[in-house]
Amino acid sequence: MVLVKCLNKKNKDLGKFIEEYIINRKNISIIILILDIRHDPTSDDKLMYDFLLNNNLPFFIVANKADKIAKTKIGTFIENIKNFLNIPDNIPIIPFSSENKIYVEDIYNVLFSD
């Protein structure tokens, strides 16, 4: 149990549930890992990213709260996440704002591309 080993005691049950659910569900077509664009990924974010990557699970990353930073800085913040987690170019990182509904089409394009 990769996720469970690294989580604190309070979150172990949740980590076990998430890990078992993701591994045992055969009909998951893609997983969306949501990160806060304004901050470096947390240890839990890194743990989940590594788990998805090491288990060859299909996923992409949504960098939420993009409305909280200047549009001219979004690329810099995306690069920071990419460098922090050592994300390869083939894994999309899509900025997003649920509040302003910006970049929604980019997410649809990843979800519904062939």
C-alpha atoms as a PDB file:
ATOM      1  CA  MET A   1       0.000   0.000   0.000  1.00  0.00           C
ATOM      2  CA  VAL A   2       2.070   2.874  -1.312  1.00  0.00           C
ATOM      3  CA  LEU A   3      -0.283   5.673  -0.309  1.00  0.00           C
ATOM      4  CA  VAL A   4      -1.032   4.336   3.134  1.00  0.00           C
ATOM      5  CA  LYS A   5       2.628   3.981   4.168  1.00  0.00           C
ATOM      6  CA  CYS A   6       3.363   7.674   3.823  1.00  0.00           C
ATOM      7  CA  LEU A   7       0.178   9.192   5.218  1.00  0.00           C
ATOM      8  CA  ASN A   8      -0.240  10.208   8.825  1.00  0.00           C
ATOM      9  CA  LYS A   9      -2.431   8.036  11.033  1.00  0.00           C
ATOM     10  CA  LYS A  10      -5.466  10.293  10.615  1.00  0.00           C
ATOM     11  CA  ASN A  11      -5.434   9.860   6.838  1.00  0.00           C
ATOM     12  CA  LYS A  12      -4.447   6.176   6.595  1.00  0.00           C
ATOM     13  CA  ASP A  13      -8.020   4.924   6.247  1.00  0.00           C
ATOM     14  CA  LEU A  14      -8.723   7.427   3.499  1.00  0.00           C
ATOM     15  CA  GLY A  15      -5.437   6.575   1.770  1.00  0.00           C
ATOM     16  CA  LYS A  16      -6.238   2.870   1.904  1.00  0.00           C
ATOM     17  CA  PHE A  17      -9.712   3.491   0.477  1.00  0.00           C
ATOM     18  CA  ILE A  18      -8.363   5.646  -2.376  1.00  0.00           C
ATOM     19  CA  GLU A  19      -5.612   3.193  -3.257  1.00  0.00           C
ATOM     20  CA  GLU A  20      -7.903   0.161  -3.259  1.00  0.00           C
ATOM     21  CA  TYR A  21     -10.574   1.987  -5.226  1.00  0.00           C
ATOM     22  CA  ILE A  22      -8.190   3.181  -7.920  1.00  0.00           C
ATOM     23  CA  ILE A  23      -6.352  -0.129  -8.257  1.00  0.00           C
ATOM     24  CA  ASN A  24      -9.460  -2.338  -8.218  1.00  0.00           C
ATOM     25  CA  ARG A  25     -11.746  -0.273 -10.479  1.00  0.00           C
ATOM     26  CA  LYS A  26     -11.227  -1.542 -14.003  1.00  0.00           C
ATOM     27  CA  ASN A  27     -13.555   0.963 -15.676  1.00  0.00           C
ATOM     28  CA  ILE A  28     -11.669   4.152 -14.740  1.00  0.00           C
ATOM     29  CA  SER A  29     -10.786   5.831 -18.007  1.00  0.00           C
ATOM     30  CA  ILE A  30      -8.823   8.777 -16.605  1.00  0.00           C
ATOM     31  CA  ILE A  31      -7.966  10.355 -13.265  1.00  0.00           C
ATOM     32  CA  ILE A  32      -7.733  14.084 -12.665  1.00  0.00           C
ATOM     33  CA  LEU A  33      -5.140  15.135 -10.103  1.00  0.00           C
ATOM     34  CA  ILE A  34      -6.111  18.594  -8.822  1.00  0.00           C
ATOM     35  CA  LEU A  35      -3.346  20.836  -7.502  1.00  0.00           C
ATOM     36  CA  ASP A  36      -3.357  24.432  -6.299  1.00  0.00           C
ATOM     37  CA  ILE A  37      -1.466  26.443  -8.915  1.00  0.00           C
ATOM     38  CA  ARG A  38      -0.408  29.065  -6.353  1.00  0.00           C
ATOM     39  CA  HIS A  39       1.669  26.742  -4.167  1.00  0.00           C
ATOM     40  CA  ASP A  40       4.331  24.101  -4.503  1.00  0.00           C
ATOM     41  CA  PRO A  41       2.769  20.629  -4.500  1.00  0.00           C
ATOM     42  CA  THR A  42       2.422  19.164  -1.015  1.00  0.00           C
ATOM     43  CA  SER A  43       3.937  15.868   0.077  1.00  0.00           C
ATOM     44  CA  ASP A  44       0.476  14.313  -0.371  1.00  0.00           C
ATOM     45  CA  ASP A  45       0.297  15.736  -3.916  1.00  0.00           C
ATOM     46  CA  LYS A  46       3.694  14.200  -4.701  1.00  0.00           C
ATOM     47  CA  LEU A  47       2.640  10.918  -3.150  1.00  0.00           C
ATOM     48  CA  MET A  48      -0.490  10.758  -5.301  1.00  0.00           C
ATOM     49  CA  TYR A  49       1.407  11.804  -8.438  1.00  0.00           C
ATOM     50  CA  ASP A  50       4.048   9.102  -7.869  1.00  0.00           C
ATOM     51  CA  PHE A  51       1.340   6.533  -7.144  1.00  0.00           C
ATOM     52  CA  LEU A  52      -0.486   7.297 -10.401  1.00  0.00           C
ATOM     53  CA  LEU A  53       2.735   7.328 -12.400  1.00  0.00           C
ATOM     54  CA  ASN A  54       4.195   4.155 -10.887  1.00  0.00           C
ATOM     55  CA  ASN A  55       0.956   2.240 -11.429  1.00  0.00           C
ATOM     56  CA  ASN A  56       0.692   3.349 -15.073  1.00  0.00           C
ATOM     57  CA  LEU A  57      -2.724   4.870 -14.448  1.00  0.00           C
ATOM     58  CA  PRO A  58      -4.143   7.314 -16.994  1.00  0.00           C
ATOM     59  CA  PHE A  59      -4.253  10.821 -15.555  1.00  0.00           C
ATOM     60  CA  PHE A  60      -3.689  14.486 -16.142  1.00  0.00           C
ATOM     61  CA  ILE A  61      -3.228  17.421 -13.814  1.00  0.00           C
ATOM     62  CA  VAL A  62      -5.548  20.357 -13.270  1.00  0.00           C
ATOM     63  CA  ALA A  63      -3.863  23.364 -11.660  1.00  0.00           C
ATOM     64  CA  ASN A  64      -6.818  24.968  -9.910  1.00  0.00           C
ATOM     65  CA  LYS A  65      -7.262  28.593  -8.755  1.00  0.00           C
ATOM     66  CA  ALA A  66      -5.700  30.044 -11.913  1.00  0.00           C
ATOM     67  CA  ASP A  67      -7.905  33.120 -11.442  1.00  0.00           C
ATOM     68  CA  LYS A  68      -5.913  34.004  -8.319  1.00  0.00           C
ATOM     69  CA  ILE A  69      -2.723  34.795 -10.254  1.00  0.00           C
ATOM     70  CA  ALA A  70      -1.990  37.083 -13.197  1.00  0.00           C
ATOM     71  CA  LYS A  71      -2.600  35.490 -16.596  1.00  0.00           C
ATOM     72  CA  THR A  72       0.938  36.446 -17.602  1.00  0.00           C
ATOM     73  CA  LYS A  73       2.321  34.344 -14.719  1.00  0.00           C
ATOM     74  CA  ILE A  74       0.310  31.157 -15.316  1.00  0.00           C
ATOM     75  CA  GLY A  75       3.018  29.615 -17.501  1.00  0.00           C
ATOM     76  CA  THR A  76       5.622  30.235 -14.807  1.00  0.00           C
ATOM     77  CA  PHE A  77       3.463  28.601 -12.137  1.00  0.00           C
ATOM     78  CA  ILE A  78       2.766  25.595 -14.409  1.00  0.00           C
ATOM     79  CA  GLU A  79       6.517  25.225 -15.025  1.00  0.00           C
ATOM     80  CA  ASN A  80       7.093  25.357 -11.272  1.00  0.00           C
ATOM     81  CA  ILE A  81       4.699  22.440 -10.722  1.00  0.00           C
ATOM     82  CA  LYS A  82       6.260  20.557 -13.632  1.00  0.00           C
ATOM     83  CA  ASN A  83       9.776  21.022 -12.258  1.00  0.00           C
ATOM     84  CA  PHE A  84       8.798  20.340  -8.641  1.00  0.00           C
ATOM     85  CA  LEU A  85       7.247  16.957  -9.503  1.00  0.00           C
ATOM     86  CA  ASN A  86       9.559  16.225 -12.457  1.00  0.00           C
ATOM     87  CA  ILE A  87       6.579  15.804 -14.792  1.00  0.00           C
ATOM     88  CA  PRO A  88       7.318  14.606 -18.326  1.00  0.00           C
ATOM     89  CA  ASP A  89       5.979  16.530 -21.315  1.00  0.00           C
ATOM     90  CA  ASN A  90       3.381  13.862 -22.158  1.00  0.00           C
ATOM     91  CA  ILE A  91       1.360  14.513 -18.974  1.00  0.00           C
ATOM     92  CA  PRO A  92      -0.890  17.547 -19.461  1.00  0.00           C
ATOM     93  CA  ILE A  93      -1.069  20.242 -16.788  1.00  0.00           C
ATOM     94  CA  ILE A  94      -4.138  22.392 -17.407  1.00  0.00           C
ATOM     95  CA  PRO A  95      -4.661  25.653 -15.508  1.00  0.00           C
ATOM     96  CA  PHE A  96      -8.249  26.078 -14.353  1.00  0.00           C
ATOM     97  CA  SER A  97     -10.587  28.332 -12.419  1.00  0.00           C
ATOM     98  CA  SER A  98     -13.920  27.006 -11.242  1.00  0.00           C
ATOM     99  CA  GLU A  99     -14.851  30.502 -10.123  1.00  0.00           C
ATOM    100  CA  ASN A 100     -14.282  32.219 -13.472  1.00  0.00           C
ATOM    101  CA  LYS A 101     -14.759  29.130 -15.658  1.00  0.00           C
ATOM    102  CA  ILE A 102     -11.505  29.804 -17.502  1.00  0.00           C
ATOM    103  CA  TYR A 103      -9.696  27.014 -19.389  1.00  0.00           C
ATOM    104  CA  VAL A 104     -12.768  24.755 -19.289  1.00  0.00           C
ATOM    105  CA  GLU A 105     -12.387  23.986 -23.002  1.00  0.00           C
ATOM    106  CA  ASP A 106      -8.798  22.841 -22.437  1.00  0.00           C
ATOM    107  CA  ILE A 107     -10.011  20.281 -19.913  1.00  0.00           C
ATOM    108  CA  TYR A 108     -12.749  19.075 -22.284  1.00  0.00           C
ATOM    109  CA  ASN A 109     -10.121  18.712 -25.006  1.00  0.00           C
ATOM    110  CA  VAL A 110      -8.007  16.435 -22.809  1.00  0.00           C
ATOM    111  CA  LEU A 111     -11.000  14.432 -21.590  1.00  0.00           C
ATOM    112  CA  PHE A 112     -12.540  13.877 -24.986  1.00  0.00           C
ATOM    113  CA  SER A 113      -9.486  13.657 -27.255  1.00  0.00           C
ATOM    114  CA  ASP A 114      -8.817  10.413 -29.058  1.00  0.00           C
END
